[in-house]
């Protein structure tokens, strides 16, 4: 795993947040972004565990358990 200094990560995060903050022009746009990101987070929270369960079941069927 690559080690990255904390100050570099903080700089990247600040630049990313600043760049994202420039995109919406009105509060309504921010509301839509928040709503869509909420749907994305919900989809990931539901879909990722299901994907992992399917992966584990296929490994068990193939006999590749570790």
C-alpha atoms as a PDB file:
ATOM      1  CA  UNK A   1       0.000   0.000   0.000  1.00  0.00           C
ATOM      2  CA  UNK A   2       1.266   3.447  -0.880  1.00  0.00           C
ATOM      3  CA  UNK A   3       1.893   5.800   2.039  1.00  0.00           C
ATOM      4  CA  UNK A   4       0.771   9.359   1.395  1.00  0.00           C
ATOM      5  CA  UNK A   5       1.589  12.193   3.805  1.00  0.00           C
ATOM      6  CA  UNK A   6      -1.391  13.534   5.741  1.00  0.00           C
ATOM      7  CA  UNK A   7      -0.711  17.097   4.617  1.00  0.00           C
ATOM      8  CA  UNK A   8      -0.918  16.036   0.964  1.00  0.00           C
ATOM      9  CA  UNK A   9      -4.217  14.254   1.589  1.00  0.00           C
ATOM     10  CA  UNK A  10      -5.563  17.362   3.344  1.00  0.00           C
ATOM     11  CA  UNK A  11      -4.511  19.534   0.396  1.00  0.00           C
ATOM     12  CA  UNK A  12      -6.168  17.189  -2.109  1.00  0.00           C
ATOM     13  CA  UNK A  13      -9.356  17.143  -0.017  1.00  0.00           C
ATOM     14  CA  UNK A  14      -9.485  20.943   0.235  1.00  0.00           C
ATOM     15  CA  UNK A  15      -8.949  21.332  -3.517  1.00  0.00           C
ATOM     16  CA  UNK A  16     -11.631  18.715  -4.292  1.00  0.00           C
ATOM     17  CA  UNK A  17     -14.180  20.312  -1.952  1.00  0.00           C
ATOM     18  CA  UNK A  18     -13.468  23.762  -3.353  1.00  0.00           C
ATOM     19  CA  UNK A  19     -13.884  22.474  -6.903  1.00  0.00           C
ATOM     20  CA  UNK A  20     -17.146  20.741  -6.071  1.00  0.00           C
ATOM     21  CA  UNK A  21     -18.442  23.863  -4.310  1.00  0.00           C
ATOM     22  CA  UNK A  22     -18.103  25.837  -7.543  1.00  0.00           C
ATOM     23  CA  UNK A  23     -20.485  23.572  -9.471  1.00  0.00           C
ATOM     24  CA  UNK A  24     -23.949  24.413  -8.017  1.00  0.00           C
ATOM     25  CA  UNK A  25     -25.239  27.955  -8.495  1.00  0.00           C
ATOM     26  CA  UNK A  26     -28.407  27.926  -6.386  1.00  0.00           C
ATOM     27  CA  UNK A  27     -29.697  26.307  -3.257  1.00  0.00           C
ATOM     28  CA  UNK A  28     -32.127  24.229  -5.332  1.00  0.00           C
ATOM     29  CA  UNK A  29     -29.192  22.715  -7.238  1.00  0.00           C
ATOM     30  CA  UNK A  30     -27.493  21.883  -3.947  1.00  0.00           C
ATOM     31  CA  UNK A  31     -30.705  20.188  -2.820  1.00  0.00           C
ATOM     32  CA  UNK A  32     -30.764  18.069  -5.985  1.00  0.00           C
ATOM     33  CA  UNK A  33     -27.087  17.142  -5.561  1.00  0.00           C
ATOM     34  CA  UNK A  34     -27.695  16.129  -1.943  1.00  0.00           C
ATOM     35  CA  UNK A  35     -30.725  14.081  -2.924  1.00  0.00           C
ATOM     36  CA  UNK A  36     -28.841  12.282  -5.701  1.00  0.00           C
ATOM     37  CA  UNK A  37     -25.816  11.618  -3.491  1.00  0.00           C
ATOM     38  CA  UNK A  38     -28.173  10.217  -0.853  1.00  0.00           C
ATOM     39  CA  UNK A  39     -29.627   7.815  -3.423  1.00  0.00           C
ATOM     40  CA  UNK A  40     -26.092   6.841  -4.476  1.00  0.00           C
ATOM     41  CA  UNK A  41     -25.060   6.173  -0.878  1.00  0.00           C
ATOM     42  CA  UNK A  42     -28.187   4.085  -0.312  1.00  0.00           C
ATOM     43  CA  UNK A  43     -27.543   2.107  -3.479  1.00  0.00           C
ATOM     44  CA  UNK A  44     -23.958   1.415  -2.438  1.00  0.00           C
ATOM     45  CA  UNK A  45     -25.025   0.464   1.094  1.00  0.00           C
ATOM     46  CA  UNK A  46     -27.505  -2.074  -0.296  1.00  0.00           C
ATOM     47  CA  UNK A  47     -25.682  -3.211  -3.433  1.00  0.00           C
ATOM     48  CA  UNK A  48     -22.176  -3.742  -2.087  1.00  0.00           C
ATOM     49  CA  UNK A  49     -23.121  -6.327   0.579  1.00  0.00           C
ATOM     50  CA  UNK A  50     -25.304  -8.163  -1.941  1.00  0.00           C
ATOM     51  CA  UNK A  51     -22.391  -8.235  -4.393  1.00  0.00           C
ATOM     52  CA  UNK A  52     -20.089  -9.600  -1.687  1.00  0.00           C
ATOM     53  CA  UNK A  53     -22.600 -12.295  -0.706  1.00  0.00           C
ATOM     54  CA  UNK A  54     -22.898 -13.386  -4.345  1.00  0.00           C
ATOM     55  CA  UNK A  55     -19.105 -13.473  -4.618  1.00  0.00           C
ATOM     56  CA  UNK A  56     -18.806 -15.619  -1.488  1.00  0.00           C
ATOM     57  CA  UNK A  57     -21.518 -17.994  -2.702  1.00  0.00           C
ATOM     58  CA  UNK A  58     -19.804 -18.454  -6.069  1.00  0.00           C
ATOM     59  CA  UNK A  59     -16.504 -19.147  -4.299  1.00  0.00           C
ATOM     60  CA  UNK A  60     -18.208 -21.752  -2.123  1.00  0.00           C
ATOM     61  CA  UNK A  61     -19.778 -23.431  -5.151  1.00  0.00           C
ATOM     62  CA  UNK A  62     -16.425 -23.582  -6.932  1.00  0.00           C
ATOM     63  CA  UNK A  63     -14.710 -24.855  -3.788  1.00  0.00           C
ATOM     64  CA  UNK A  64     -12.309 -21.925  -3.566  1.00  0.00           C
ATOM     65  CA  UNK A  65     -12.824 -21.183   0.120  1.00  0.00           C
ATOM     66  CA  UNK A  66      -9.774 -19.987   1.985  1.00  0.00           C
END
